[in-house]
Amino acid sequence: MSTKNKNELAKAESQLPAVIIDYGTDAGSGTDDIGRDEAGIPFLKILQAQSPEVIGPDGIMEGARAGSLLNTGTEQLGDEITLVPAFRQHVFVEWKPRDSGGGIVAVHAKDSDIVQASIAASETFGKYKTEGGNDLVETFYVFAVVLEDDSPAGFVVVPFSSMQIKKYKKGFINRLAYCLVDNGAGGKVKPPMFAHRIVLSTEVEKNDKGVWSNYVVKFAVDNNVQQSLMTPDHPGFAAGKELRAMVASGEAVADTSKASSASEGGDDGDIDGKPAF
């Protein structure tokens, strides 16, 4: 089959309506009791030049390169990903120092005793240690629905830490916070977080300490906040609302078993010796 014919077939198949299956009373059987110990949500990871998927040593992932986005659950690689943000958490992630073997120890709420004590004892803003000598890294977790062809295709956690926090605030949260729409009754309302669609990609950044890939955050339609909104009948809206409820209730949590592989490379986390997602 020629490349042209293959492309035409792929395009035609992508335009076919979704399969509708009525499972009747069997719907959900065997899956409706999946608990939080099984429903961990994978991380999204920016691959760096020194990421193991790029250079080994346990094998190079096909297609992996610096700047690629990796879903640590599905192991899918891409240059960009469209998401419906649904829930955010402001946390401090505790890591073992790399010279002690590295790896995640725990995730702490920002107002926890261990975080407050570490901040109080720190002599340098942003450089926090536990009493046991582990690093505490300020992080914003964004739980999101993955959209493919504008339809839900799974969940993912985007961790913003270190220099990624600037991207989180400037390109995303500050713009979302000031979005207002006409509610049809003569008033203005703020849409829920899960009404928005954003696109993540990456770009190369550098300073006198090194070079790394960082996020580029844009709203999905012409980087326009209001044009990127979904209506309540959109499947992405419904999936985002469901995800928010799952995380808020504790039914779904970030899969930190993947965090060690998602922490090794990035912005100034590689440069100043502090682990970064």
C-alpha atoms as a PDB file:
ATOM      1  CA  MET A   1       0.000   0.000   0.000  1.00  0.00           C
ATOM      2  CA  SER A   2       1.355   3.426  -0.909  1.00  0.00           C
ATOM      3  CA  THR A   3       2.033   6.046   1.745  1.00  0.00           C
ATOM      4  CA  LYS A   4      -0.737   8.174   0.239  1.00  0.00           C
ATOM      5  CA  ASN A   5      -3.260   5.365   0.488  1.00  0.00           C
ATOM      6  CA  LYS A   6      -2.191   4.588   4.039  1.00  0.00           C
ATOM      7  CA  ASN A   7      -2.657   8.207   5.054  1.00  0.00           C
ATOM      8  CA  GLU A   8      -6.054   8.378   3.377  1.00  0.00           C
ATOM      9  CA  LEU A   9      -7.142   5.174   5.140  1.00  0.00           C
ATOM     10  CA  ALA A  10      -5.938   6.447   8.528  1.00  0.00           C
ATOM     11  CA  LYS A  11      -7.789   9.712   8.002  1.00  0.00           C
ATOM     12  CA  ALA A  12     -10.980   7.906   6.990  1.00  0.00           C
ATOM     13  CA  GLU A  13     -10.778   5.572   9.996  1.00  0.00           C
ATOM     14  CA  SER A  14     -10.259   8.509  12.361  1.00  0.00           C
ATOM     15  CA  GLN A  15     -13.506  10.012  11.097  1.00  0.00           C
ATOM     16  CA  LEU A  16     -15.582   6.910  11.848  1.00  0.00           C
ATOM     17  CA  PRO A  17     -18.050   7.273  14.738  1.00  0.00           C
ATOM     18  CA  ALA A  18     -17.126   5.716  18.077  1.00  0.00           C
ATOM     19  CA  VAL A  19     -18.323   2.159  18.620  1.00  0.00           C
ATOM     20  CA  ILE A  20     -21.468   1.999  20.762  1.00  0.00           C
ATOM     21  CA  ILE A  21     -21.843  -1.121  22.891  1.00  0.00           C
ATOM     22  CA  ASP A  22     -24.617  -1.726  25.399  1.00  0.00           C
ATOM     23  CA  TYR A  23     -23.295  -4.081  28.074  1.00  0.00           C
ATOM     24  CA  GLY A  24     -26.567  -4.014  29.995  1.00  0.00           C
ATOM     25  CA  THR A  25     -26.379  -5.215  33.590  1.00  0.00           C
ATOM     26  CA  ASP A  26     -22.782  -6.403  33.035  1.00  0.00           C
ATOM     27  CA  ALA A  27     -21.522  -2.820  32.660  1.00  0.00           C
ATOM     28  CA  GLY A  28     -18.657  -2.182  35.072  1.00  0.00           C
ATOM     29  CA  SER A  29     -18.606  -5.728  36.425  1.00  0.00           C
ATOM     30  CA  GLY A  30     -15.139  -6.583  37.712  1.00  0.00           C
ATOM     31  CA  THR A  31     -13.894  -3.006  37.445  1.00  0.00           C
ATOM     32  CA  ASP A  32     -16.300  -1.030  39.613  1.00  0.00           C
ATOM     33  CA  ASP A  33     -14.434  -1.858  42.829  1.00  0.00           C
ATOM     34  CA  ILE A  34     -10.954  -0.842  41.671  1.00  0.00           C
ATOM     35  CA  GLY A  35      -9.403   0.942  44.645  1.00  0.00           C
ATOM     36  CA  ARG A  36      -6.844   3.702  45.080  1.00  0.00           C
ATOM     37  CA  ASP A  37      -4.053   1.131  45.493  1.00  0.00           C
ATOM     38  CA  GLU A  38      -4.681   0.089  41.873  1.00  0.00           C
ATOM     39  CA  ALA A  39      -5.869   3.343  40.305  1.00  0.00           C
ATOM     40  CA  GLY A  40      -2.595   5.259  40.496  1.00  0.00           C
ATOM     41  CA  ILE A  41      -2.353   7.958  37.846  1.00  0.00           C
ATOM     42  CA  PRO A  42       0.932   8.058  35.889  1.00  0.00           C
ATOM     43  CA  PHE A  43       3.173  11.075  35.505  1.00  0.00           C
ATOM     44  CA  LEU A  44       3.988  13.106  32.437  1.00  0.00           C
ATOM     45  CA  LYS A  45       7.731  13.498  32.074  1.00  0.00           C
ATOM     46  CA  ILE A  46       9.982  15.717  29.975  1.00  0.00           C
ATOM     47  CA  LEU A  47      12.922  13.702  28.659  1.00  0.00           C
ATOM     48  CA  GLN A  48      16.293  15.409  28.957  1.00  0.00           C
ATOM     49  CA  ALA A  49      19.591  14.747  27.186  1.00  0.00           C
ATOM     50  CA  GLN A  50      20.721  12.596  30.128  1.00  0.00           C
ATOM     51  CA  SER A  51      17.432  10.738  30.695  1.00  0.00           C
ATOM     52  CA  PRO A  52      17.887   6.945  30.776  1.00  0.00           C
ATOM     53  CA  GLU A  53      15.293   6.567  28.009  1.00  0.00           C
ATOM     54  CA  VAL A  54      17.579   8.649  25.790  1.00  0.00           C
ATOM     55  CA  ILE A  55      21.044   7.321  26.710  1.00  0.00           C
ATOM     56  CA  GLY A  56      20.457   4.014  28.517  1.00  0.00           C
ATOM     57  CA  PRO A  57      22.026   2.292  30.423  1.00  0.00           C
ATOM     58  CA  ASP A  58      19.187  -0.263  30.530  1.00  0.00           C
ATOM     59  CA  GLY A  59      18.159   0.229  26.924  1.00  0.00           C
ATOM     60  CA  ILE A  60      17.169   3.243  24.883  1.00  0.00           C
ATOM     61  CA  MET A  61      13.459   3.819  24.259  1.00  0.00           C
ATOM     62  CA  GLU A  62      12.715   3.919  20.547  1.00  0.00           C
ATOM     63  CA  GLY A  63      12.001   7.469  19.397  1.00  0.00           C
ATOM     64  CA  ALA A  64      13.110   9.024  22.694  1.00  0.00           C
ATOM     65  CA  ARG A  65      15.012  12.296  22.500  1.00  0.00           C
ATOM     66  CA  ALA A  66      15.600  15.336  24.641  1.00  0.00           C
ATOM     67  CA  GLY A  67      12.417  17.394  24.763  1.00  0.00           C
ATOM     68  CA  SER A  68      10.026  14.473  24.214  1.00  0.00           C
ATOM     69  CA  LEU A  69       7.030  14.107  26.515  1.00  0.00           C
ATOM     70  CA  LEU A  70       6.643  10.648  28.058  1.00  0.00           C
ATOM     71  CA  ASN A  71       3.517   9.221  29.666  1.00  0.00           C
ATOM     72  CA  THR A  72       5.098   6.969  32.301  1.00  0.00           C
ATOM     73  CA  GLY A  73       2.014   4.760  32.412  1.00  0.00           C
ATOM     74  CA  THR A  74       1.420   4.049  28.733  1.00  0.00           C
ATOM     75  CA  GLU A  75       5.065   4.751  27.725  1.00  0.00           C
ATOM     76  CA  GLN A  76       3.773   6.849  24.855  1.00  0.00           C
ATOM     77  CA  LEU A  77       6.106   9.529  23.511  1.00  0.00           C
ATOM     78  CA  GLY A  78       5.060  12.748  21.829  1.00  0.00           C
ATOM     79  CA  ASP A  79       6.049  16.304  21.044  1.00  0.00           C
ATOM     80  CA  GLU A  80       2.871  17.717  22.531  1.00  0.00           C
ATOM     81  CA  ILE A  81      -0.180  16.603  24.467  1.00  0.00           C
ATOM     82  CA  THR A  82      -3.670  18.063  24.860  1.00  0.00           C
ATOM     83  CA  LEU A  83      -5.079  18.001  28.380  1.00  0.00           C
ATOM     84  CA  VAL A  84      -8.119  18.922  30.430  1.00  0.00           C
ATOM     85  CA  PRO A  85      -6.790  20.113  33.820  1.00  0.00           C
ATOM     86  CA  ALA A  86      -9.083  18.912  36.578  1.00  0.00           C
ATOM     87  CA  PHE A  87      -7.410  19.201  39.968  1.00  0.00           C
ATOM     88  CA  ARG A  88      -4.280  20.773  41.384  1.00  0.00           C
ATOM     89  CA  GLN A  89      -2.263  20.043  44.505  1.00  0.00           C
ATOM     90  CA  HIS A  90       0.426  22.231  46.062  1.00  0.00           C
ATOM     91  CA  VAL A  91       2.832  19.817  47.742  1.00  0.00           C
ATOM     92  CA  PHE A  92       6.429  19.341  48.792  1.00  0.00           C
ATOM     93  CA  VAL A  93       8.021  16.133  47.524  1.00  0.00           C
ATOM     94  CA  GLU A  94      10.649  14.536  49.757  1.00  0.00           C
ATOM     95  CA  TRP A  95      13.566  12.962  47.892  1.00  0.00           C
ATOM     96  CA  LYS A  96      16.654  11.084  49.000  1.00  0.00           C
ATOM     97  CA  PRO A  97      19.807  12.901  47.811  1.00  0.00           C
ATOM     98  CA  ARG A  98      21.293  11.377  44.682  1.00  0.00           C
ATOM     99  CA  ASP A  99      24.519  10.483  46.463  1.00  0.00           C
ATOM    100  CA  SER A 100      22.378   8.411  48.840  1.00  0.00           C
ATOM    101  CA  GLY A 101      20.677   6.530  46.038  1.00  0.00           C
ATOM    102  CA  GLY A 102      17.930   9.000  45.153  1.00  0.00           C
ATOM    103  CA  GLY A 103      14.247   8.167  44.939  1.00  0.00           C
ATOM    104  CA  ILE A 104      11.037   9.552  46.339  1.00  0.00           C
ATOM    105  CA  VAL A 105      10.372   9.204  50.057  1.00  0.00           C
ATOM    106  CA  ALA A 106       7.004  10.901  50.557  1.00  0.00           C
ATOM    107  CA  VAL A 107       4.689  13.650  49.347  1.00  0.00           C
ATOM    108  CA  HIS A 108       3.812  16.258  51.992  1.00  0.00           C
ATOM    109  CA  ALA A 109       1.044  18.857  52.106  1.00  0.00           C
ATOM    110  CA  LYS A 110       2.403  22.406  52.022  1.00  0.00           C
ATOM    111  CA  ASP A 111       1.076  23.117  55.521  1.00  0.00           C
ATOM    112  CA  SER A 112       2.413  19.908  57.087  1.00  0.00           C
ATOM    113  CA  ASP A 113       4.663  20.107  60.144  1.00  0.00           C
ATOM    114  CA  ILE A 114       7.669  18.661  58.311  1.00  0.00           C
ATOM    115  CA  VAL A 115       7.409  21.254  55.542  1.00  0.00           C
ATOM    116  CA  GLN A 116       6.903  24.186  57.883  1.00  0.00           C
ATOM    117  CA  ALA A 117       9.838  23.099  60.045  1.00  0.00           C
ATOM    118  CA  SER A 118      12.104  22.727  57.018  1.00  0.00           C
ATOM    119  CA  ILE A 119      11.151  26.146  55.667  1.00  0.00           C
ATOM    120  CA  ALA A 120      11.754  27.755  59.066  1.00  0.00           C
ATOM    121  CA  ALA A 121      15.181  26.144  59.345  1.00  0.00           C
ATOM    122  CA  SER A 122      16.292  27.013  55.806  1.00  0.00           C
ATOM    123  CA  GLU A 123      18.839  29.794  55.291  1.00  0.00           C
ATOM    124  CA  THR A 124      18.169  29.965  51.531  1.00  0.00           C
ATOM    125  CA  PHE A 125      14.739  30.444  49.973  1.00  0.00           C
ATOM    126  CA  GLY A 126      13.750  27.390  47.939  1.00  0.00           C
ATOM    127  CA  LYS A 127      16.442  25.131  49.424  1.00  0.00           C
ATOM    128  CA  TYR A 128      14.739  22.897  51.975  1.00  0.00           C
ATOM    129  CA  LYS A 129      15.983  19.846  53.876  1.00  0.00           C
ATOM    130  CA  THR A 130      14.304  17.501  56.332  1.00  0.00           C
ATOM    131  CA  GLU A 131      15.891  16.710  59.684  1.00  0.00           C
ATOM    132  CA  GLY A 132      17.060  13.460  58.132  1.00  0.00           C
ATOM    133  CA  GLY A 133      18.883  15.265  55.319  1.00  0.00           C
ATOM    134  CA  ASN A 134      16.422  14.600  52.497  1.00  0.00           C
ATOM    135  CA  ASP A 135      15.497  17.262  49.950  1.00  0.00           C
ATOM    136  CA  LEU A 136      12.063  18.874  49.962  1.00  0.00           C
ATOM    137  CA  VAL A 137      11.042  20.148  46.527  1.00  0.00           C
ATOM    138  CA  GLU A 138       8.075  22.474  46.093  1.00  0.00           C
ATOM    139  CA  THR A 139       5.805  21.011  43.411  1.00  0.00           C
ATOM    140  CA  PHE A 140       2.425  21.656  41.846  1.00  0.00           C
ATOM    141  CA  TYR A 141       0.633  18.487  40.725  1.00  0.00           C
ATOM    142  CA  VAL A 142      -1.950  19.018  37.986  1.00  0.00           C
ATOM    143  CA  PHE A 143      -4.230  15.996  37.520  1.00  0.00           C
ATOM    144  CA  ALA A 144      -5.533  16.033  33.962  1.00  0.00           C
ATOM    145  CA  VAL A 145      -7.509  14.144  31.328  1.00  0.00           C
ATOM    146  CA  VAL A 146      -5.597  13.269  28.164  1.00  0.00           C
ATOM    147  CA  LEU A 147      -7.486  14.206  24.997  1.00  0.00           C
ATOM    148  CA  GLU A 148      -6.911  12.475  21.669  1.00  0.00           C
ATOM    149  CA  ASP A 149      -8.974  13.766  18.735  1.00  0.00           C
ATOM    150  CA  ASP A 150     -10.813  15.852  21.356  1.00  0.00           C
ATOM    151  CA  SER A 151     -11.971  12.724  23.201  1.00  0.00           C
ATOM    152  CA  PRO A 152     -10.842  11.429  26.624  1.00  0.00           C
ATOM    153  CA  ALA A 153      -8.025   8.886  26.418  1.00  0.00           C
ATOM    154  CA  GLY A 154      -6.817   8.487  29.997  1.00  0.00           C
ATOM    155  CA  PHE A 155      -5.508  10.401  32.996  1.00  0.00           C
ATOM    156  CA  VAL A 156      -2.076  11.826  33.775  1.00  0.00           C
ATOM    157  CA  VAL A 157      -0.361  13.915  36.470  1.00  0.00           C
ATOM    158  CA  VAL A 158       1.782  16.840  35.356  1.00  0.00           C
ATOM    159  CA  PRO A 159       4.290  17.785  38.070  1.00  0.00           C
ATOM    160  CA  PHE A 160       5.607  21.359  37.923  1.00  0.00           C
ATOM    161  CA  SER A 161       8.662  21.928  40.099  1.00  0.00           C
ATOM    162  CA  SER A 162      11.696  24.184  40.165  1.00  0.00           C
ATOM    163  CA  MET A 163      11.865  26.356  37.014  1.00  0.00           C
ATOM    164  CA  GLN A 164       8.741  24.647  35.647  1.00  0.00           C
ATOM    165  CA  ILE A 165       6.701  26.522  38.276  1.00  0.00           C
ATOM    166  CA  LYS A 166       7.180  29.751  36.316  1.00  0.00           C
ATOM    167  CA  LYS A 167       5.518  28.094  33.323  1.00  0.00           C
ATOM    168  CA  TYR A 168       2.693  26.786  35.501  1.00  0.00           C
ATOM    169  CA  LYS A 169       1.912  30.215  36.927  1.00  0.00           C
ATOM    170  CA  LYS A 170       2.465  32.479  33.912  1.00  0.00           C
ATOM    171  CA  GLY A 171       1.199  30.283  31.089  1.00  0.00           C
ATOM    172  CA  PHE A 172      -1.613  28.502  32.867  1.00  0.00           C
ATOM    173  CA  ILE A 173      -2.900  29.270  36.336  1.00  0.00           C
ATOM    174  CA  ASN A 174      -2.787  33.078  36.144  1.00  0.00           C
ATOM    175  CA  ARG A 175      -4.653  33.133  32.839  1.00  0.00           C
ATOM    176  CA  LEU A 176      -7.200  30.573  34.010  1.00  0.00           C
ATOM    177  CA  ALA A 177      -7.834  32.465  37.239  1.00  0.00           C
ATOM    178  CA  TYR A 178      -9.038  35.600  35.422  1.00  0.00           C
ATOM    179  CA  CYS A 179     -11.254  33.896  32.824  1.00  0.00           C
ATOM    180  CA  LEU A 180     -14.892  35.000  33.026  1.00  0.00           C
ATOM    181  CA  VAL A 181     -17.786  34.128  30.698  1.00  0.00           C
ATOM    182  CA  ASP A 182     -21.353  35.359  30.266  1.00  0.00           C
ATOM    183  CA  ASN A 183     -23.703  32.987  32.096  1.00  0.00           C
ATOM    184  CA  GLY A 184     -26.691  33.931  29.916  1.00  0.00           C
ATOM    185  CA  ALA A 185     -28.480  35.595  32.814  1.00  0.00           C
ATOM    186  CA  GLY A 186     -26.739  38.930  32.688  1.00  0.00           C
ATOM    187  CA  GLY A 187     -23.828  37.929  34.890  1.00  0.00           C
ATOM    188  CA  LYS A 188     -20.233  36.782  34.596  1.00  0.00           C
ATOM    189  CA  VAL A 189     -19.015  33.464  36.005  1.00  0.00           C
ATOM    190  CA  LYS A 190     -15.680  31.709  36.272  1.00  0.00           C
ATOM    191  CA  PRO A 191     -15.649  28.354  34.421  1.00  0.00           C
ATOM    192  CA  PRO A 192     -14.547  25.274  36.360  1.00  0.00           C
ATOM    193  CA  MET A 193     -10.970  24.171  35.827  1.00  0.00           C
ATOM    194  CA  PHE A 194     -12.163  21.106  33.891  1.00  0.00           C
ATOM    195  CA  ALA A 195     -13.860  23.322  31.290  1.00  0.00           C
ATOM    196  CA  HIS A 196     -10.438  24.288  29.914  1.00  0.00           C
ATOM    197  CA  ARG A 197      -8.241  22.615  27.322  1.00  0.00           C
ATOM    198  CA  ILE A 198      -4.495  23.196  27.248  1.00  0.00           C
ATOM    199  CA  VAL A 199      -1.625  21.943  25.101  1.00  0.00           C
ATOM    200  CA  LEU A 200       1.790  21.106  26.566  1.00  0.00           C
ATOM    201  CA  SER A 201       4.928  21.011  24.464  1.00  0.00           C
ATOM    202  CA  THR A 202       8.569  21.770  25.249  1.00  0.00           C
ATOM    203  CA  GLU A 203      11.302  24.222  24.368  1.00  0.00           C
ATOM    204  CA  VAL A 204      15.027  24.439  25.063  1.00  0.00           C
ATOM    205  CA  GLU A 205      16.145  26.847  27.757  1.00  0.00           C
ATOM    206  CA  LYS A 206      19.638  27.638  28.980  1.00  0.00           C
ATOM    207  CA  ASN A 207      21.609  29.767  31.372  1.00  0.00           C
ATOM    208  CA  ASP A 208      25.197  29.884  32.572  1.00  0.00           C
ATOM    209  CA  LYS A 209      24.660  26.613  34.468  1.00  0.00           C
ATOM    210  CA  GLY A 210      23.391  24.455  31.628  1.00  0.00           C
ATOM    211  CA  VAL A 211      20.787  23.572  29.004  1.00  0.00           C
ATOM    212  CA  TRP A 212      17.481  21.792  29.536  1.00  0.00           C
ATOM    213  CA  SER A 213      13.998  21.304  28.069  1.00  0.00           C
ATOM    214  CA  ASN A 214      11.085  23.023  29.792  1.00  0.00           C
ATOM    215  CA  TYR A 215       7.333  23.168  29.297  1.00  0.00           C
ATOM    216  CA  VAL A 216       5.484  25.417  26.898  1.00  0.00           C
ATOM    217  CA  VAL A 217       1.885  25.844  28.122  1.00  0.00           C
ATOM    218  CA  LYS A 218      -0.764  27.134  25.727  1.00  0.00           C
ATOM    219  CA  PHE A 219      -4.533  27.011  25.581  1.00  0.00           C
ATOM    220  CA  ALA A 220      -5.744  24.587  22.945  1.00  0.00           C
ATOM    221  CA  VAL A 221      -7.470  26.906  20.442  1.00  0.00           C
ATOM    222  CA  ASP A 222      -5.156  29.674  19.204  1.00  0.00           C
ATOM    223  CA  ASN A 223      -3.838  30.023  22.776  1.00  0.00           C
ATOM    224  CA  ASN A 224      -7.119  31.778  23.576  1.00  0.00           C
ATOM    225  CA  VAL A 225      -8.581  30.937  26.982  1.00  0.00           C
ATOM    226  CA  GLN A 226     -12.250  31.477  26.140  1.00  0.00           C
ATOM    227  CA  GLN A 227     -12.108  29.842  22.711  1.00  0.00           C
ATOM    228  CA  SER A 228     -10.565  26.748  24.331  1.00  0.00           C
ATOM    229  CA  LEU A 229     -13.459  26.245  26.755  1.00  0.00           C
ATOM    230  CA  MET A 230     -15.691  23.168  26.569  1.00  0.00           C
ATOM    231  CA  THR A 231     -19.419  23.142  27.229  1.00  0.00           C
ATOM    232  CA  PRO A 232     -20.854  20.819  29.912  1.00  0.00           C
ATOM    233  CA  ASP A 233     -22.012  18.326  27.256  1.00  0.00           C
ATOM    234  CA  HIS A 234     -18.449  17.814  25.965  1.00  0.00           C
ATOM    235  CA  PRO A 235     -17.021  14.363  26.908  1.00  0.00           C
ATOM    236  CA  GLY A 236     -13.790  16.006  28.022  1.00  0.00           C
ATOM    237  CA  PHE A 237     -15.724  18.174  30.479  1.00  0.00           C
ATOM    238  CA  ALA A 238     -17.478  15.120  31.925  1.00  0.00           C
ATOM    239  CA  ALA A 239     -14.182  13.197  32.237  1.00  0.00           C
ATOM    240  CA  GLY A 240     -12.516  16.160  33.935  1.00  0.00           C
ATOM    241  CA  LYS A 241     -15.367  16.481  36.417  1.00  0.00           C
ATOM    242  CA  GLU A 242     -15.116  12.768  37.184  1.00  0.00           C
ATOM    243  CA  LEU A 243     -11.344  12.955  37.668  1.00  0.00           C
ATOM    244  CA  ARG A 244     -11.671  15.913  40.023  1.00  0.00           C
ATOM    245  CA  ALA A 245     -14.138  13.959  42.173  1.00  0.00           C
ATOM    246  CA  MET A 246     -11.871  10.893  42.200  1.00  0.00           C
ATOM    247  CA  VAL A 247      -8.810  12.831  43.352  1.00  0.00           C
ATOM    248  CA  ALA A 248     -10.700  14.989  45.856  1.00  0.00           C
ATOM    249  CA  SER A 249     -12.171  11.879  47.495  1.00  0.00           C
ATOM    250  CA  GLY A 250      -8.844  10.021  47.552  1.00  0.00           C
ATOM    251  CA  GLU A 251     -10.114   7.364  45.169  1.00  0.00           C
ATOM    252  CA  ALA A 252      -7.310   8.161  42.711  1.00  0.00           C
ATOM    253  CA  VAL A 253      -3.774   9.278  43.541  1.00  0.00           C
ATOM    254  CA  ALA A 254      -0.523   9.923  41.705  1.00  0.00           C
ATOM    255  CA  ASP A 255       1.440   6.743  40.997  1.00  0.00           C
ATOM    256  CA  THR A 256       4.625   7.618  42.858  1.00  0.00           C
ATOM    257  CA  SER A 257       6.155   4.254  41.950  1.00  0.00           C
ATOM    258  CA  LYS A 258       6.978   5.983  38.656  1.00  0.00           C
ATOM    259  CA  ALA A 259       8.305   9.122  40.326  1.00  0.00           C
ATOM    260  CA  SER A 260      11.890   7.898  40.649  1.00  0.00           C
ATOM    261  CA  SER A 261      12.182   7.525  36.883  1.00  0.00           C
ATOM    262  CA  ALA A 262      10.367  10.819  36.380  1.00  0.00           C
ATOM    263  CA  SER A 263      12.729  12.767  38.610  1.00  0.00           C
ATOM    264  CA  GLU A 264      16.154  12.402  37.154  1.00  0.00           C
ATOM    265  CA  GLY A 265      16.394  15.092  34.598  1.00  0.00           C
ATOM    266  CA  GLY A 266      15.321  18.561  33.872  1.00  0.00           C
ATOM    267  CA  ASP A 267      15.844  22.199  34.407  1.00  0.00           C
ATOM    268  CA  ASP A 268      17.925  23.513  37.271  1.00  0.00           C
ATOM    269  CA  GLY A 269      17.130  20.368  39.259  1.00  0.00           C
ATOM    270  CA  ASP A 270      19.965  18.752  37.326  1.00  0.00           C
ATOM    271  CA  ILE A 271      22.085  21.852  37.579  1.00  0.00           C
ATOM    272  CA  ASP A 272      21.967  22.654  41.264  1.00  0.00           C
ATOM    273  CA  GLY A 273      21.886  19.049  42.449  1.00  0.00           C
ATOM    274  CA  LYS A 274      18.285  19.033  43.606  1.00  0.00           C
ATOM    275  CA  PRO A 275      15.998  16.351  42.117  1.00  0.00           C
ATOM    276  CA  ALA A 276      13.437  17.637  39.641  1.00  0.00           C
ATOM    277  CA  PHE A 277      10.543  15.940  37.869  1.00  0.00           C
END
